[in-house]
Every structure is written in C-alpha cells, then in structure tokens.
Amino acid sequence: MKIENHEKPWVKYYDAAVPGSLEYPNWTLVDLLRNTADKYPMRIALICGNRRMNYYDLYWTARYFSFTLITEGLEPGERVGICLPNGIDFVVAFFATLMGGGIVAAMNPNYPLPEWQYQTAIARPAILIGLESRNKDLMQLKKECNSKALILTNDSEEGGSFPLSFVDFAPERASVYFPDVTGSHGAVLQFSGGTTGSPKAALALHKNVVANVMQFKRWLTTMEEGREVFLTMIPLYHVYGMVIGLNVGIAMGATIVLVSDGRDLTKVLSLVPEHGVTFFPGVPSIYNAINHHPRVLAGEINLRSIKACISGSAPLPEDTRKKFETLTGGKLVEGYGLSEAPTATHCNPIQGENRNGSIGLPLPDVDCRIVDLEDDSREVATGGEGELLIRSPQIMKEYFLNPAETTAVLKDGWLHTGDIARMDQDGYFYIVGRRKELIKVNGLQVWPREIEEVILKYPGVKEVSAAGVPDADSGEAVKAWLVVDSSGSFDMQNLAGFCRKSLAGYKIPKEVEIVQELPKSPVGKVLRRELVRMHEEGKKNRERS
C-alpha cells in the first residue's frame, strides 16, 4: 500500500535521502525480526549486563517461548500482561506474545498494585509475565482477571530464568501450532490514565507500528543498517521505548544495549564507549543531566561515538541541545508523538535545519491540519494557533473496548490530538499547549483526578486540586493545592508516603501548596488553569525579589 502524497510544504525540508512517501509492506513486527534474523543471524541483537543474544537466538528463543504461551492457553487476540523492566526477558516475552497471536499489554513493573489493577481491568490479560519479587501482587491480579497462567522470572539485571526449557522444543514441533498473524491484527495496548483516570488503552495494529518503524528507519539518515548500536534506557513498556528504542533498532539490524535501571547515570554513560553507542533516544532531563555530569565534563567518559539522538516527551531547551551536540559531536533533535499514533508523528531533520522550539516536520505520509478550537471544520491560517489533527498510517485502530472515547478522537480518519499547535510557512510545527487537563511527567501520563482521589483520603484534607506545572527536569510536574482542616490534624510530612501506597512515583505531587480556598466557576467547578496561572505569577514574583 502507498499513501497518497498530498501537497505538503514540509516535504521540501526533508533530508535529501528521505522521500515524501513510503511503501509499507503488510508486515507484522515479527516479520521485522525474522527479516533481520535472516540477514544478520550472528550479529548481537541484545546486550543487558553480562548477557548477550544474537538475532538468530532471539528469534528462536521467542518462538519457543511463544509455543509455551500457546500451550498455556493463549489464543489469538488475547492480551499478555508483561510486567518486566528493560531486559532480554522483556524482548523475548514481547515477540513471543506477538508470535502467538496475542496483544502485548506492557505495564510498569514498579507500579503499586492499584495501578496494575486499573490496567488489567481494561486489558483482562489471559497470561501474566512478571518478576518473582512481585509474585504476591501478580497472583492477586491473576485471580481477579481469571488469567490462565502466571510466568515469573528473576530480578537480576540479566534475567533469563523463565521456568522453561527452551532447548526441549524443536522448531518443527513449535511451528505447527502458530496462528496466522497479519499486519491487520492487534499488536500493542498502550495505557493512559491511572487508578481513577479515564479508562483508556490505545490499541495499535501491527501495520500501525510497522509503519512508524519504517518512517523512522528512513528518517535516521546518518544510520547504516547492520552497523549501529542503540542505547535504550527509556522504558520498553512505553511505546516510545518499544518503537524507537527497540523495534527501529531491530529493523536496522542494530545491537541494542538495554538498561534496566537508569538511576546510576555514571554506569549508563560508561556503556557508550564500552559498546560504541551511536544512537541514544531519551528525554530532555536525561540530556541535561549528561551535560552537567562531572565525569563527562572532565573528559573521563568519551561520548564521541554518538551520531544522533531523538528527544521526546517534553520540550527540548536550546541550550541543552547545543551543549549536548558539542560534547558528543552528534545531532540531538526534538520529536513529537503520542500513544494514539505509536509513537512519533513529527521530528526535526537529522541533517537539515533543527529549529529551536519546534517539534519538527511531519514524518513521511503524515498529514496534518490545525483547526479552530471552536469549529474543527475550519482550518486556521498559517502561523495561527489551533488544535493539531493528524492523519497517518501509524494511527491506532481504537481505544480498546471504548467506542465512545474512540469516536471522540477519531473523526473521518483524523486523530484529534487535543494539543494546541501552530505551523510556520515552511511546515515546521510548534506545540503551544494542551487542550486536555492531562499532565505529562517525562512523557508519562497523569490524570489530575486520580491524584485528587488519593489525597482526599488523607487525614485533614478538605479539598484538593491537582494540575501540571512547568518543570525544567520533567517537562511537567504534578502540583497539588490543598484546603486543610483548621483543627491541625493535617500532617504535611507524611503525605508523600501516603500517596506512594497507591500511586506511582512520578504521579506523587512534586509540590504541595496549602490555600485558603480553591478558585471555582459559578457552578462549583475548580478552575485548574487559574491555579496554574497563580503558580506562575508567584514564581515570577519570587524571582523578582
């Protein structure tokens, strides 16, 4: 299938090697892996700690594991809940699920049980795969979801202890049982919201994800097939890591160095010279931390092997970009994407002009409109602000089992992003703000209501409202405004610990402010925008003084 190339002003600013439109085979993600395994069977595919696996072994290990999933009862279209950190076990489980006709429902392995319960209530996984240390919580999920099986692996960095004897399965035996999966079958569920947020999970088909992989493979014009080394510390349970950090690398025949725990930045950075890393997708906070790392500044860690990096999830400051490019000699470009179009729709050129503050140009076969906020049938003039609409081959099929929400965002083939944007005369796009109340912390989604529901249960809290405020490290941070009981029963010191029992770490408010009252509309609705405005005004006043 070839997507019609409409008149698009941005195409002329593509790098010379990037066409305006591509051919998209009706492949699955498994086809991508098999194709690379055929081309580069002995090339190292994955490195994690001291463990390595070549492409031939990756393909067949996943196939043997898939056979096991099928014998455990996995049927085509059923979901497999993968609750694993970055590592070889995650990748094996990912492709094994797809080979068996299943849909990957990857979940943050560090989530508390209530967050998992929210996600599994949507996905209803037939099989759960997780760490031995979370056995108790996983058993609870298995019972609640009536899952057919629970498979555990250990918590070591290298992993590799699935209770399976892969060598016992001959390829001829395993191949008999595999369903016929095409590009039109479901591949990935990407969750949004949280314990009390809007119940949504974006369902992407194989062809949606493959299309984005093909787009980025062509976009990375300085990369050579079969010769690159990816460093992937962004989480694979998120589509950013799953697509850019994993599947683009596999399509290129790259060696992918997986980081299961990115908290030790010195250790992470040492992997760059050790393995000759050439591509390093991340977020602005990571690049900023690298820029200020004492061993990097002292010249003790050589980062000059890096050719290119993609920055996503939050605005990329110009000084961060320039300093990183000086330190590495590589190119750092900002992109834009969302779970509903896994994963990217825009990016600055790798070799062309990288415009400050811009999310770049639409990728090949991505069409965009900016429409009036009050009348989405009317496009705004070039340079004007409005809601960003996208039409492209990577757009999701639907919100899983949620037709109402699907209809609200997918209209006549166009995805209504909810983001406010503008386009300059050359076709470079700029995100102005969000129409939605959704908070994004390092690209991870947080719904204000879920924060509020938890904090309202804390002793001494009478009213609460939460919103996202600008943050230099994470793009946005969660802030909560509280009205507390005058009796003195409220204890600020223990609030974070209380929240941690029900919320993931990035959802816990980074800042809490006690106020006399919350600003409200005439009908009693809390005005979150007013709270954010007050926050910004207070910040400016403090800076002046």
Protein backbone atom coordinates (compact mmCIF):
# COMPACT_ATOMS: atom_id res chain seq x y z
CA MET A 1 0.00 0.00 0.00
CA LYS A 2 1.21 3.52 -0.82
CA ILE A 3 -0.21 6.59 0.89
CA GLU A 4 -1.13 9.44 -1.46
CA ASN A 5 1.32 12.32 -1.14
CA HIS A 6 -0.74 15.46 -0.71
CA GLU A 7 0.70 18.90 -1.20
CA LYS A 8 2.74 19.35 1.95
CA PRO A 9 5.03 22.37 2.49
CA TRP A 10 7.29 20.46 4.84
CA VAL A 11 8.46 17.81 2.39
CA LYS A 12 10.95 20.15 0.72
CA TYR A 13 12.78 20.49 4.06
CA TYR A 14 13.33 16.75 4.45
CA ASP A 15 16.86 15.42 4.32
CA ALA A 16 17.74 14.50 0.73
CA ALA A 17 17.55 10.75 1.43
CA VAL A 18 14.03 10.93 2.90
CA PRO A 19 11.12 10.57 0.44
CA GLY A 20 7.75 12.21 0.90
CA SER A 21 6.01 8.83 0.84
CA LEU A 22 6.99 5.23 1.51
CA GLU A 23 5.90 1.74 0.55
CA TYR A 24 4.50 -0.15 3.54
CA PRO A 25 4.51 -3.96 3.40
CA ASN A 26 1.69 -5.76 5.18
CA TRP A 27 4.19 -6.98 7.75
CA THR A 28 3.95 -7.77 11.39
CA LEU A 29 6.53 -6.83 13.98
CA VAL A 30 7.55 -10.49 13.95
CA ASP A 31 8.27 -10.17 10.23
CA LEU A 32 10.65 -7.31 11.04
CA LEU A 33 12.53 -9.51 13.50
CA ARG A 34 12.58 -12.52 11.18
CA ASN A 35 13.85 -10.40 8.28
CA THR A 36 16.74 -9.11 10.37
CA ALA A 37 17.49 -12.56 11.79
CA ASP A 38 17.76 -13.87 8.23
CA LYS A 39 20.11 -11.03 7.19
CA TYR A 40 22.27 -10.82 10.32
CA PRO A 41 21.82 -14.09 12.27
CA MET A 42 25.10 -13.88 14.19
CA ARG A 43 25.05 -10.16 14.90
CA ILE A 44 24.49 -9.36 18.56
CA ALA A 45 20.90 -8.16 18.88
CA LEU A 46 20.65 -7.50 22.63
CA ILE A 47 23.06 -6.71 25.44
CA CYS A 48 21.93 -6.40 29.04
CA GLY A 49 24.55 -6.53 31.77
CA ASN A 50 26.75 -9.54 31.04
CA ARG A 51 24.10 -11.29 28.94
CA ARG A 52 24.10 -11.18 25.14
CA MET A 53 21.86 -12.67 22.47
CA ASN A 54 22.29 -12.67 18.69
CA TYR A 55 19.44 -12.24 16.23
CA TYR A 56 19.15 -15.94 15.40
CA ASP A 57 18.85 -16.88 19.06
CA LEU A 58 16.45 -14.03 19.79
CA TYR A 59 14.06 -15.14 17.07
CA TRP A 60 14.09 -18.81 18.04
CA THR A 61 14.03 -18.21 21.80
CA ALA A 62 10.96 -16.04 21.33
CA ARG A 63 9.43 -18.73 19.12
CA TYR A 64 9.98 -21.45 21.69
CA PHE A 65 8.58 -19.24 24.42
CA SER A 66 5.58 -18.49 22.20
CA PHE A 67 4.94 -22.19 21.91
CA THR A 68 4.83 -22.31 25.69
CA LEU A 69 2.34 -19.43 25.84
CA ILE A 70 0.12 -21.24 23.37
CA THR A 71 0.26 -24.47 25.37
CA GLU A 72 -0.71 -22.42 28.44
CA GLY A 73 -3.89 -21.46 26.59
CA LEU A 74 -3.09 -18.22 24.75
CA GLU A 75 -5.50 -17.67 21.87
CA PRO A 76 -5.29 -15.09 19.04
CA GLY A 77 -6.39 -11.63 20.14
CA GLU A 78 -5.93 -12.29 23.85
CA ARG A 79 -3.73 -10.00 25.88
CA VAL A 80 -0.49 -10.85 27.67
CA GLY A 81 0.37 -8.60 30.59
CA ILE A 82 4.16 -8.09 30.61
CA CYS A 83 5.33 -6.53 33.88
CA LEU A 84 9.08 -6.56 33.31
CA PRO A 85 11.87 -3.96 33.27
CA ASN A 86 14.06 -3.36 30.24
CA GLY A 87 15.98 -6.54 29.56
CA ILE A 88 16.27 -9.56 27.31
CA ASP A 89 13.37 -11.28 29.06
CA PHE A 90 11.08 -8.39 28.15
CA VAL A 91 12.07 -8.58 24.47
CA VAL A 92 11.63 -12.36 24.37
CA ALA A 93 8.20 -12.09 26.02
CA PHE A 94 7.23 -9.24 23.67
CA PHE A 95 7.90 -11.16 20.46
CA ALA A 96 6.66 -14.46 21.87
CA THR A 97 3.30 -12.84 22.59
CA LEU A 98 3.05 -11.49 19.04
CA MET A 99 4.09 -14.80 17.50
CA GLY A 100 1.30 -16.49 19.40
CA GLY A 101 -1.26 -14.02 18.03
CA GLY A 102 -1.50 -12.21 21.35
CA ILE A 103 -1.57 -8.49 22.07
CA VAL A 104 1.15 -7.02 24.27
CA ALA A 105 -0.19 -5.18 27.32
CA ALA A 106 3.05 -3.99 28.89
CA MET A 107 2.89 -2.45 32.36
CA ASN A 108 5.35 -0.56 34.51
CA PRO A 109 7.00 -3.23 36.69
CA ASN A 110 7.36 -0.72 39.54
CA TYR A 111 3.68 0.18 39.71
CA PRO A 112 1.89 -0.42 43.01
CA LEU A 113 -0.90 -2.99 42.90
CA PRO A 114 -3.77 -0.46 42.49
CA GLU A 115 -2.21 0.86 39.26
CA TRP A 116 -1.87 -2.67 37.90
CA GLN A 117 -5.44 -3.42 38.88
CA TYR A 118 -6.64 -0.43 36.90
CA GLN A 119 -4.75 -1.54 33.78
CA THR A 120 -5.64 -5.22 33.99
CA ALA A 121 -9.30 -4.30 34.45
CA ILE A 122 -9.08 -2.90 30.92
CA ALA A 123 -6.82 -5.48 29.29
CA ARG A 124 -8.07 -8.64 31.06
CA PRO A 125 -4.81 -10.47 30.31
CA ALA A 126 -5.00 -14.18 29.58
CA ILE A 127 -1.40 -14.60 30.75
CA LEU A 128 0.74 -12.53 33.12
CA ILE A 129 4.54 -12.35 32.99
CA GLY A 130 6.45 -10.65 35.79
CA LEU A 131 9.20 -10.67 38.38
CA GLU A 132 9.49 -13.19 41.18
CA SER A 133 9.66 -10.34 43.72
CA ARG A 134 6.11 -9.25 42.76
CA ASN A 135 4.67 -12.76 42.93
CA LYS A 136 2.11 -11.87 45.61
CA ASP A 137 0.67 -8.92 43.66
CA LEU A 138 0.76 -10.83 40.39
CA MET A 139 -1.10 -13.76 41.94
CA GLN A 140 -3.76 -11.30 43.08
CA LEU A 141 -4.08 -9.97 39.52
CA LYS A 142 -4.25 -13.49 38.12
CA LYS A 143 -7.14 -14.27 40.44
CA GLU A 144 -9.02 -11.03 39.69
CA CYS A 145 -8.60 -11.40 35.91
CA ASN A 146 -9.09 -15.16 35.86
CA SER A 147 -5.85 -15.39 33.89
CA LYS A 148 -4.81 -18.77 32.54
CA ALA A 149 -1.19 -18.63 33.65
CA LEU A 150 1.43 -16.62 35.53
CA ILE A 151 5.07 -16.89 34.41
CA LEU A 152 7.82 -15.47 36.60
CA THR A 153 11.44 -14.56 36.02
CA ASN A 154 14.08 -13.35 38.45
CA ASP A 155 15.02 -9.78 39.30
CA SER A 156 18.62 -9.83 38.17
CA GLU A 157 19.80 -7.39 35.54
CA GLU A 158 20.45 -10.21 33.10
CA GLY A 159 17.21 -12.08 33.81
CA GLY A 160 16.92 -15.27 31.82
CA SER A 161 15.30 -17.56 34.33
CA PHE A 162 11.92 -18.21 32.79
CA PRO A 163 10.89 -21.63 34.13
CA LEU A 164 11.08 -23.09 30.65
CA SER A 165 13.41 -25.48 28.91
CA PHE A 166 13.71 -23.82 25.53
CA VAL A 167 16.03 -26.47 24.10
CA ASP A 168 13.37 -29.13 24.54
CA PHE A 169 11.29 -27.60 21.77
CA ALA A 170 12.27 -28.43 18.23
CA PRO A 171 11.46 -25.70 15.66
CA GLU A 172 9.45 -28.21 13.58
CA ARG A 173 7.23 -29.02 16.54
CA ALA A 174 6.73 -25.43 17.55
CA SER A 175 5.80 -24.22 14.07
CA VAL A 176 2.75 -26.46 13.86
CA TYR A 177 0.86 -24.52 16.50
CA PHE A 178 1.31 -20.92 15.43
CA PRO A 179 -1.66 -18.85 14.27
CA ASP A 180 -1.64 -16.83 11.05
CA VAL A 181 -0.99 -13.22 12.09
CA THR A 182 -1.07 -10.32 9.61
CA GLY A 183 -0.48 -6.60 9.76
CA SER A 184 -4.19 -6.05 10.41
CA HIS A 185 -4.14 -7.90 13.73
CA GLY A 186 -3.78 -6.18 17.10
CA ALA A 187 -0.24 -5.82 18.44
CA VAL A 188 0.08 -3.41 21.36
CA LEU A 189 -2.07 -1.82 24.06
CA GLN A 190 -0.74 1.44 25.45
CA PHE A 191 -2.43 2.50 28.66
CA SER A 192 -3.36 6.02 29.62
CA GLY A 193 -4.80 7.34 32.84
CA GLY A 194 -4.48 5.63 36.20
CA THR A 195 -6.46 4.21 39.11
CA THR A 196 -9.31 6.70 38.79
CA GLY A 197 -8.48 8.32 35.46
CA SER A 198 -10.30 7.95 32.20
CA PRO A 199 -10.21 4.21 31.35
CA LYS A 200 -8.38 4.16 28.04
CA ALA A 201 -5.89 1.92 26.31
CA ALA A 202 -4.83 2.70 22.75
CA LEU A 203 -4.87 -0.41 20.53
CA ALA A 204 -2.32 -0.34 17.72
CA LEU A 205 -2.26 -2.90 14.94
CA HIS A 206 0.93 -4.47 13.65
CA LYS A 207 0.76 -2.36 10.49
CA ASN A 208 0.46 0.84 12.57
CA VAL A 209 3.65 0.16 14.49
CA VAL A 210 5.50 -1.21 11.44
CA ALA A 211 4.64 1.99 9.53
CA ASN A 212 6.21 4.16 12.22
CA VAL A 213 9.27 1.89 12.33
CA MET A 214 9.68 2.24 8.56
CA GLN A 215 9.28 6.02 8.76
CA PHE A 216 11.97 6.36 11.40
CA LYS A 217 14.31 3.92 9.70
CA ARG A 218 14.32 6.27 6.69
CA TRP A 219 14.41 9.42 8.86
CA LEU A 220 17.66 8.40 10.59
CA THR A 221 19.75 9.31 7.57
CA THR A 222 23.14 9.04 9.29
CA MET A 223 22.48 5.45 10.38
CA GLU A 224 23.75 2.38 8.46
CA GLU A 225 21.88 -0.91 8.51
CA GLY A 226 23.72 -3.66 10.34
CA ARG A 227 26.31 -1.32 11.88
CA GLU A 228 24.61 0.74 14.61
CA VAL A 229 24.47 0.41 18.40
CA PHE A 230 21.38 1.67 20.24
CA LEU A 231 21.38 2.56 23.94
CA THR A 232 17.86 2.04 25.29
CA MET A 233 17.17 3.25 28.81
CA ILE A 234 13.70 4.66 28.09
CA PRO A 235 11.20 2.03 29.27
CA LEU A 236 10.07 -0.62 26.81
CA TYR A 237 6.64 -0.76 28.45
CA HIS A 238 6.02 2.68 26.91
CA VAL A 239 5.53 2.97 23.13
CA TYR A 240 8.40 5.47 22.87
CA GLY A 241 10.88 2.86 24.04
CA MET A 242 9.01 -0.01 22.41
CA VAL A 243 9.04 1.60 18.95
CA ILE A 244 12.14 3.82 18.80
CA GLY A 245 14.35 2.08 21.34
CA LEU A 246 13.55 -1.50 20.31
CA ASN A 247 11.78 -2.08 17.00
CA VAL A 248 13.53 0.62 14.96
CA GLY A 249 16.80 -0.89 16.17
CA ILE A 250 15.70 -4.38 15.17
CA ALA A 251 14.59 -3.18 11.73
CA MET A 252 18.05 -1.65 11.25
CA GLY A 253 19.92 -4.74 12.44
CA ALA A 254 21.38 -2.74 15.29
CA THR A 255 22.85 -4.00 18.54
CA ILE A 256 20.54 -2.78 21.31
CA VAL A 257 22.11 -2.16 24.72
CA LEU A 258 19.30 -2.38 27.28
CA VAL A 259 19.40 -0.50 30.58
CA SER A 260 17.13 -1.97 33.24
CA ASP A 261 17.86 0.69 35.87
CA GLY A 262 18.87 4.16 34.73
CA ARG A 263 19.37 5.67 38.17
CA ASP A 264 23.16 5.21 38.07
CA LEU A 265 23.94 7.66 35.27
CA THR A 266 27.69 7.07 35.51
CA LYS A 267 27.16 3.37 34.83
CA VAL A 268 24.79 4.14 31.97
CA LEU A 269 27.21 6.56 30.34
CA SER A 270 30.09 4.09 30.63
CA LEU A 271 28.15 1.85 28.23
CA VAL A 272 28.60 4.42 25.44
CA PRO A 273 32.38 3.98 24.95
CA GLU A 274 32.25 0.33 26.03
CA HIS A 275 29.91 -0.66 23.21
CA GLY A 276 30.42 2.21 20.76
CA VAL A 277 26.87 3.52 21.10
CA THR A 278 25.73 5.51 18.05
CA PHE A 279 22.06 6.24 18.82
CA PHE A 280 20.57 7.23 22.16
CA PRO A 281 16.84 8.12 22.36
CA GLY A 282 15.81 9.91 25.52
CA VAL A 283 14.11 12.87 27.17
CA PRO A 284 15.41 16.40 27.87
CA SER A 285 16.09 15.70 31.55
CA ILE A 286 18.49 12.88 30.62
CA TYR A 287 20.44 15.01 28.16
CA ASN A 288 20.58 17.87 30.64
CA ALA A 289 21.94 15.55 33.33
CA ILE A 290 24.59 14.28 30.90
CA ASN A 291 25.61 17.85 30.08
CA HIS A 292 26.34 18.51 33.74
CA HIS A 293 27.85 15.14 34.66
CA PRO A 294 31.28 15.78 36.25
CA ARG A 295 32.98 12.81 34.56
CA VAL A 296 31.68 13.90 31.15
CA LEU A 297 32.85 17.46 31.71
CA ALA A 298 36.23 16.18 32.88
CA GLY A 299 36.62 14.17 29.68
CA GLU A 300 36.70 10.86 31.57
CA ILE A 301 33.73 9.41 29.63
CA ASN A 302 34.01 9.67 25.86
CA LEU A 303 30.65 10.15 24.12
CA ARG A 304 32.00 10.90 20.63
CA SER A 305 30.67 7.66 19.14
CA ILE A 306 27.10 9.06 19.28
CA LYS A 307 25.77 10.00 15.83
CA ALA A 308 22.21 11.04 16.67
CA CYS A 309 19.68 11.23 19.48
CA ILE A 310 15.92 11.72 19.46
CA SER A 311 14.42 13.74 22.31
CA GLY A 312 10.75 13.34 23.13
CA SER A 313 8.11 13.63 25.86
CA ALA A 314 8.89 17.26 26.77
CA PRO A 315 10.18 20.47 25.15
CA LEU A 316 13.91 20.40 24.45
CA PRO A 317 15.68 23.60 25.62
CA GLU A 318 18.01 25.07 23.02
CA ASP A 319 20.96 25.32 25.41
CA THR A 320 20.55 21.65 26.35
CA ARG A 321 20.61 20.66 22.68
CA LYS A 322 23.62 22.79 21.78
CA LYS A 323 25.71 21.70 24.76
CA PHE A 324 24.95 18.01 24.16
CA GLU A 325 25.88 18.31 20.49
CA THR A 326 29.16 19.98 21.46
CA LEU A 327 30.01 17.22 23.95
CA THR A 328 29.18 14.33 21.63
CA GLY A 329 29.67 15.64 18.11
CA GLY A 330 26.32 14.03 17.29
CA LYS A 331 22.95 15.52 16.42
CA LEU A 332 20.17 15.93 19.02
CA VAL A 333 16.72 16.55 17.54
CA GLU A 334 13.32 17.03 19.11
CA GLY A 335 10.34 14.96 18.03
CA TYR A 336 6.67 14.64 18.90
CA GLY A 337 4.38 11.70 19.29
CA LEU A 338 1.57 10.21 21.28
CA SER A 339 0.28 6.84 22.35
CA GLU A 340 -2.55 7.04 19.85
CA ALA A 341 -0.06 7.17 16.92
CA PRO A 342 2.68 4.97 18.23
CA THR A 343 4.93 6.55 18.62
CA ALA A 344 6.09 9.59 16.64
CA THR A 345 4.48 11.79 14.00
CA HIS A 346 6.96 14.70 13.84
CA CYS A 347 10.69 15.15 14.14
CA ASN A 348 13.36 17.66 13.24
CA PRO A 349 15.64 16.54 10.38
CA ILE A 350 18.78 14.65 11.34
CA GLN A 351 20.99 16.52 8.88
CA GLY A 352 18.80 19.50 7.98
CA GLU A 353 17.68 22.53 9.93
CA ASN A 354 16.77 21.96 13.58
CA ARG A 355 14.53 24.86 14.54
CA ASN A 356 14.52 25.92 18.16
CA GLY A 357 11.26 25.23 19.96
CA SER A 358 9.86 23.20 17.08
CA ILE A 359 8.79 19.58 17.17
CA GLY A 360 9.98 19.45 13.57
CA LEU A 361 8.37 18.23 10.39
CA PRO A 362 5.68 15.60 9.90
CA LEU A 363 7.21 12.25 9.00
CA PRO A 364 6.62 10.73 5.54
CA ASP A 365 2.90 10.11 4.89
CA VAL A 366 1.86 12.09 7.95
CA ASP A 367 -0.73 14.72 7.06
CA CYS A 368 -1.61 17.49 9.50
CA ARG A 369 -4.24 20.16 9.96
CA ILE A 370 -4.55 22.89 12.56
CA VAL A 371 -8.19 23.66 13.19
CA ASP A 372 -10.15 26.28 15.07
CA LEU A 373 -10.74 25.37 18.71
CA GLU A 374 -14.43 26.17 18.46
CA ASP A 375 -15.08 24.85 14.93
CA ASP A 376 -12.92 21.90 13.93
CA SER A 377 -14.21 22.04 10.35
CA ARG A 378 -12.30 25.28 9.82
CA GLU A 379 -8.53 25.31 9.38
CA VAL A 380 -6.63 28.25 10.81
CA ALA A 381 -4.26 30.34 8.71
CA THR A 382 -0.54 29.54 8.60
CA GLY A 383 1.00 30.72 11.86
CA GLY A 384 -2.31 30.62 13.69
CA GLU A 385 -2.95 28.50 16.76
CA GLY A 386 -5.46 25.69 16.94
CA GLU A 387 -5.89 22.00 17.67
CA LEU A 388 -3.48 19.67 15.89
CA LEU A 389 -5.16 16.96 13.81
CA ILE A 390 -3.17 14.09 12.31
CA ARG A 391 -3.87 11.54 9.58
CA SER A 392 -1.23 8.87 9.09
CA PRO A 393 -0.70 5.10 8.74
CA GLN A 394 0.52 4.77 12.36
CA ILE A 395 -2.69 6.00 13.98
CA MET A 396 -4.24 3.48 16.38
CA LYS A 397 -7.26 1.42 15.50
CA GLU A 398 -9.22 2.40 18.61
CA TYR A 399 -9.33 2.81 22.33
CA PHE A 400 -9.72 -0.81 23.40
CA LEU A 401 -13.37 -1.64 24.20
CA ASN A 402 -14.19 2.06 24.46
CA PRO A 403 -16.17 3.16 21.39
CA ALA A 404 -17.31 6.46 22.94
CA GLU A 405 -13.77 7.70 23.56
CA THR A 406 -12.68 6.37 20.16
CA THR A 407 -15.39 8.31 18.37
CA ALA A 408 -14.43 11.45 20.28
CA VAL A 409 -10.85 11.50 18.92
CA LEU A 410 -11.06 9.65 15.58
CA LYS A 411 -13.20 11.54 13.08
CA ASP A 412 -13.15 10.87 9.33
CA GLY A 413 -9.70 9.34 9.58
CA TRP A 414 -8.23 12.27 11.52
CA LEU A 415 -6.85 11.95 15.04
CA HIS A 416 -7.80 14.91 17.23
CA THR A 417 -4.72 15.19 19.47
CA GLY A 418 -6.05 17.68 21.99
CA ASP A 419 -2.75 19.59 21.65
CA ILE A 420 -2.69 23.22 20.60
CA ALA A 421 -0.13 23.90 17.89
CA ARG A 422 0.92 26.22 15.09
CA MET A 423 2.74 25.71 11.81
CA ASP A 424 5.16 28.17 10.23
CA GLN A 425 5.28 28.86 6.50
CA ASP A 426 7.87 26.12 5.92
CA GLY A 427 5.88 23.37 7.61
CA TYR A 428 7.73 23.25 10.94
CA PHE A 429 5.31 22.64 13.81
CA TYR A 430 5.29 24.08 17.33
CA ILE A 431 3.29 22.85 20.34
CA VAL A 432 1.75 25.77 22.18
CA GLY A 433 -0.12 23.95 24.95
CA ARG A 434 -2.58 21.20 25.78
CA ARG A 435 -6.27 21.38 25.44
CA LYS A 436 -6.69 18.49 27.80
CA GLU A 437 -6.07 18.51 31.52
CA LEU A 438 -3.71 15.58 31.12
CA ILE A 439 -0.36 16.01 32.86
CA LYS A 440 2.77 14.53 31.24
CA VAL A 441 5.75 13.85 33.50
CA ASN A 442 8.69 12.79 31.32
CA GLY A 443 6.10 11.72 28.77
CA LEU A 444 4.19 9.54 31.25
CA GLN A 445 0.51 10.33 31.65
CA VAL A 446 -1.08 11.53 34.86
CA TRP A 447 -4.72 12.40 35.34
CA PRO A 448 -5.45 15.09 37.95
CA ARG A 449 -8.47 13.26 39.27
CA GLU A 450 -6.52 10.17 40.28
CA ILE A 451 -4.18 12.32 42.38
CA GLU A 452 -7.11 14.11 43.97
CA GLU A 453 -8.97 10.91 44.86
CA VAL A 454 -5.95 9.60 46.76
CA ILE A 455 -5.12 12.83 48.61
CA LEU A 456 -8.74 13.35 49.67
CA LYS A 457 -8.40 10.19 51.74
CA TYR A 458 -5.55 11.69 53.76
CA PRO A 459 -6.49 12.94 57.25
CA GLY A 460 -7.04 16.67 57.49
CA VAL A 461 -7.60 17.33 53.77
CA LYS A 462 -10.88 19.07 52.99
CA GLU A 463 -10.44 19.91 49.32
CA VAL A 464 -7.75 19.27 46.73
CA SER A 465 -7.00 20.05 43.13
CA ALA A 466 -4.06 18.87 41.04
CA ALA A 467 -2.56 20.16 37.81
CA GLY A 468 0.63 20.11 35.80
CA VAL A 469 3.11 22.95 36.15
CA PRO A 470 6.23 23.61 34.03
CA ASP A 471 9.30 21.75 35.26
CA ALA A 472 12.85 22.02 33.92
CA ASP A 473 13.65 18.36 34.55
CA SER A 474 10.49 16.51 33.52
CA GLY A 475 8.67 18.95 31.25
CA GLU A 476 5.75 19.00 33.64
CA ALA A 477 5.45 18.18 37.31
CA VAL A 478 2.41 17.39 39.42
CA LYS A 479 1.39 20.09 41.85
CA ALA A 480 -1.43 19.80 44.37
CA TRP A 481 -3.31 22.65 46.06
CA LEU A 482 -4.92 21.72 49.37
CA VAL A 483 -7.55 23.19 51.63
CA VAL A 484 -6.92 21.63 55.05
CA ASP A 485 -8.79 21.27 58.30
CA SER A 486 -8.12 24.17 60.67
CA SER A 487 -8.01 21.75 63.60
CA GLY A 488 -4.39 20.95 62.85
CA SER A 489 -4.92 17.27 62.02
CA PHE A 490 -3.15 17.64 58.67
CA ASP A 491 0.46 16.32 58.60
CA MET A 492 2.39 17.50 55.52
CA GLN A 493 5.47 15.41 56.33
CA ASN A 494 3.79 12.05 55.77
CA LEU A 495 1.69 12.98 52.75
CA ALA A 496 4.19 11.68 50.15
CA GLY A 497 4.47 8.32 51.89
CA PHE A 498 0.68 8.04 51.98
CA CYS A 499 0.45 8.75 48.24
CA ARG A 500 3.19 6.23 47.46
CA LYS A 501 0.94 3.39 48.65
CA SER A 502 -1.46 3.98 45.76
CA LEU A 503 0.42 5.99 43.15
CA ALA A 504 3.49 5.51 41.01
CA GLY A 505 6.42 7.74 41.97
CA TYR A 506 6.08 10.16 39.06
CA LYS A 507 2.42 10.79 40.00
CA ILE A 508 3.21 11.92 43.52
CA PRO A 509 2.99 15.74 43.71
CA LYS A 510 6.41 17.34 43.44
CA GLU A 511 5.00 20.44 45.07
CA VAL A 512 2.12 20.91 47.52
CA GLU A 513 0.63 24.28 48.37
CA ILE A 514 -1.91 24.94 51.11
CA VAL A 515 -4.50 27.55 50.16
CA GLN A 516 -7.48 29.12 51.91
CA GLU A 517 -9.84 28.20 49.06
CA LEU A 518 -9.79 26.82 45.53
CA PRO A 519 -10.85 29.08 42.64
CA LYS A 520 -14.16 27.86 41.24
CA SER A 521 -16.62 28.61 38.47
CA PRO A 522 -20.17 29.72 39.23
CA VAL A 523 -21.28 26.10 39.09
CA GLY A 524 -18.60 24.97 41.55
CA LYS A 525 -16.03 23.54 39.14
CA VAL A 526 -12.44 24.04 40.24
CA LEU A 527 -10.51 26.21 37.77
CA ARG A 528 -7.22 24.35 37.31
CA ARG A 529 -5.96 26.89 34.77
CA GLU A 530 -6.34 29.62 37.35
CA LEU A 531 -4.29 27.60 39.82
CA VAL A 532 -1.51 27.20 37.25
CA ARG A 533 -1.66 30.92 36.47
CA MET A 534 -1.35 31.73 40.18
CA HIS A 535 1.61 29.34 40.40
CA GLU A 536 3.39 31.05 37.50
CA GLU A 537 2.66 34.51 38.90
CA GLY A 538 4.02 33.50 42.30
CA LYS A 539 7.14 32.08 40.68
CA LYS A 540 7.77 35.34 38.81
CA ASN A 541 7.28 37.40 41.98
CA ARG A 542 9.79 35.25 43.84
CA GLU A 543 12.31 35.61 41.03
CA ARG A 544 11.94 39.43 41.08
CA SER A 545 12.53 39.56 44.81
